[in-house]
Amino acid sequence: MQFQKGQSGNPAGRPRGSRNRTTIVAGVAAGDLTPSQAGQLAKVIDVYVRAIETKAFDERLSTVEQAVKSPPALGSEGAMHDDACF
């Protein structure tokens, strides 16, 4: 699928202007941030990343739990055959 010119491939991705560890270190080196500000910012980033990872894990876990609770009905197309390979 092609994206329109100027359209992001990940619209929910990292916001423009947000900082990652490389830009934090560069900010300290350039004098834009003090080391203590950089440390505080890095902690905030770590918490944010963990929150995103936790949310994604919870969503995947819910999907698996739903699949286990209500497996799809096997029709003629989905029926397993004796020669099925696992």
C-alpha atoms as a PDB file:
ATOM      1  CA  MET A   1       0.000   0.000   0.000  1.00  0.00           C
ATOM      2  CA  GLN A   2       1.416   3.378  -0.980  1.00  0.00           C
ATOM      3  CA  PHE A   3       1.070   6.383   1.268  1.00  0.00           C
ATOM      4  CA  GLN A   4       0.133   9.832   0.084  1.00  0.00           C
ATOM      5  CA  LYS A   5       3.028  12.268  -0.218  1.00  0.00           C
ATOM      6  CA  GLY A   6       3.702  13.720   3.225  1.00  0.00           C
ATOM      7  CA  GLN A   7       1.697  11.021   5.021  1.00  0.00           C
ATOM      8  CA  SER A   8       3.466   9.038   7.705  1.00  0.00           C
ATOM      9  CA  GLY A   9       3.620   5.257   7.526  1.00  0.00           C
ATOM     10  CA  ASN A  10       2.942   5.268  11.267  1.00  0.00           C
ATOM     11  CA  PRO A  11       0.529   8.089  12.128  1.00  0.00           C
ATOM     12  CA  ALA A  12       0.574   7.114  15.823  1.00  0.00           C
ATOM     13  CA  GLY A  13       4.369   7.069  15.896  1.00  0.00           C
ATOM     14  CA  ARG A  14       6.783   9.302  17.744  1.00  0.00           C
ATOM     15  CA  PRO A  15       5.539  12.887  17.724  1.00  0.00           C
ATOM     16  CA  ARG A  16       7.548  15.425  15.772  1.00  0.00           C
ATOM     17  CA  GLY A  17      10.041  17.200  18.029  1.00  0.00           C
ATOM     18  CA  SER A  18      10.003  14.580  20.780  1.00  0.00           C
ATOM     19  CA  ARG A  19      13.392  13.515  22.006  1.00  0.00           C
ATOM     20  CA  ASN A  20      15.051  10.124  22.016  1.00  0.00           C
ATOM     21  CA  ARG A  21      18.246   9.245  23.892  1.00  0.00           C
ATOM     22  CA  THR A  22      20.494  10.446  21.073  1.00  0.00           C
ATOM     23  CA  THR A  23      18.906  13.876  20.979  1.00  0.00           C
ATOM     24  CA  ILE A  24      19.030  14.080  24.776  1.00  0.00           C
ATOM     25  CA  VAL A  25      22.787  13.446  24.752  1.00  0.00           C
ATOM     26  CA  ALA A  26      23.196  15.921  21.898  1.00  0.00           C
ATOM     27  CA  GLY A  27      21.214  18.478  23.909  1.00  0.00           C
ATOM     28  CA  VAL A  28      23.543  18.078  26.874  1.00  0.00           C
ATOM     29  CA  ALA A  29      26.590  18.346  24.615  1.00  0.00           C
ATOM     30  CA  ALA A  30      25.220  21.491  22.981  1.00  0.00           C
ATOM     31  CA  GLY A  31      24.377  23.030  26.355  1.00  0.00           C
ATOM     32  CA  ASP A  32      20.613  23.007  25.737  1.00  0.00           C
ATOM     33  CA  LEU A  33      20.027  20.622  28.678  1.00  0.00           C
ATOM     34  CA  THR A  34      21.792  20.151  31.965  1.00  0.00           C
ATOM     35  CA  PRO A  35      22.774  16.599  32.901  1.00  0.00           C
ATOM     36  CA  SER A  36      20.086  16.559  35.607  1.00  0.00           C
ATOM     37  CA  GLN A  37      17.427  17.696  33.115  1.00  0.00           C
ATOM     38  CA  ALA A  38      18.598  15.004  30.714  1.00  0.00           C
ATOM     39  CA  GLY A  39      18.326  12.381  33.470  1.00  0.00           C
ATOM     40  CA  GLN A  40      14.797  13.478  34.347  1.00  0.00           C
ATOM     41  CA  LEU A  41      13.785  13.487  30.699  1.00  0.00           C
ATOM     42  CA  ALA A  42      15.254  10.004  30.173  1.00  0.00           C
ATOM     43  CA  LYS A  43      13.207   8.702  33.120  1.00  0.00           C
ATOM     44  CA  VAL A  44      10.023  10.164  31.660  1.00  0.00           C
ATOM     45  CA  ILE A  45      10.796   8.565  28.298  1.00  0.00           C
ATOM     46  CA  ASP A  46      11.414   5.182  29.960  1.00  0.00           C
ATOM     47  CA  VAL A  47       8.073   5.364  31.806  1.00  0.00           C
ATOM     48  CA  TYR A  48       6.289   6.303  28.578  1.00  0.00           C
ATOM     49  CA  VAL A  49       7.897   3.426  26.671  1.00  0.00           C
ATOM     50  CA  ARG A  50       6.994   0.939  29.420  1.00  0.00           C
ATOM     51  CA  ALA A  51       3.387   2.175  29.390  1.00  0.00           C
ATOM     52  CA  ILE A  52       3.159   1.646  25.623  1.00  0.00           C
ATOM     53  CA  GLU A  53       4.721  -1.815  25.883  1.00  0.00           C
ATOM     54  CA  THR A  54       2.351  -2.759  28.716  1.00  0.00           C
ATOM     55  CA  LYS A  55      -0.687  -1.597  26.751  1.00  0.00           C
ATOM     56  CA  ALA A  56       0.420  -3.543  23.676  1.00  0.00           C
ATOM     57  CA  PHE A  57       1.042  -6.657  25.793  1.00  0.00           C
ATOM     58  CA  ASP A  58      -2.391  -6.363  27.425  1.00  0.00           C
ATOM     59  CA  GLU A  59      -4.042  -6.066  24.011  1.00  0.00           C
ATOM     60  CA  ARG A  60      -2.218  -9.152  22.705  1.00  0.00           C
ATOM     61  CA  LEU A  61      -3.050 -11.088  25.878  1.00  0.00           C
ATOM     62  CA  SER A  62      -6.734 -10.177  25.573  1.00  0.00           C
ATOM     63  CA  THR A  63      -6.730 -11.370  21.960  1.00  0.00           C
ATOM     64  CA  VAL A  64      -5.197 -14.708  22.966  1.00  0.00           C
ATOM     65  CA  GLU A  65      -7.621 -15.115  25.869  1.00  0.00           C
ATOM     66  CA  GLN A  66     -10.573 -14.453  23.544  1.00  0.00           C
ATOM     67  CA  ALA A  67      -9.247 -17.006  21.063  1.00  0.00           C
ATOM     68  CA  VAL A  68      -8.897 -19.613  23.812  1.00  0.00           C
ATOM     69  CA  LYS A  69     -12.374 -18.938  25.219  1.00  0.00           C
ATOM     70  CA  SER A  70     -14.119 -19.100  21.866  1.00  0.00           C
ATOM     71  CA  PRO A  71     -12.145 -21.029  19.270  1.00  0.00           C
ATOM     72  CA  PRO A  72     -13.383 -20.626  15.708  1.00  0.00           C
ATOM     73  CA  ALA A  73     -15.917 -23.189  14.524  1.00  0.00           C
ATOM     74  CA  LEU A  74     -14.441 -25.715  12.136  1.00  0.00           C
ATOM     75  CA  GLY A  75     -16.337 -25.937   8.912  1.00  0.00           C
ATOM     76  CA  SER A  76     -15.474 -27.925   5.853  1.00  0.00           C
ATOM     77  CA  GLU A  77     -12.753 -25.421   4.936  1.00  0.00           C
ATOM     78  CA  GLY A  78     -11.139 -25.292   8.365  1.00  0.00           C
ATOM     79  CA  ALA A  79     -11.439 -28.959   9.307  1.00  0.00           C
ATOM     80  CA  MET A  80      -8.198 -30.667  10.183  1.00  0.00           C
ATOM     81  CA  HIS A  81      -7.116 -33.578   8.083  1.00  0.00           C
ATOM     82  CA  ASP A  82      -5.226 -36.653   9.181  1.00  0.00           C
ATOM     83  CA  ASP A  83      -2.271 -35.636   7.033  1.00  0.00           C
ATOM     84  CA  ALA A  84      -2.050 -32.160   8.629  1.00  0.00           C
ATOM     85  CA  CYS A  85       1.472 -31.078   9.390  1.00  0.00           C
ATOM     86  CA  PHE A  86       2.266 -29.250  12.615  1.00  0.00           C
END
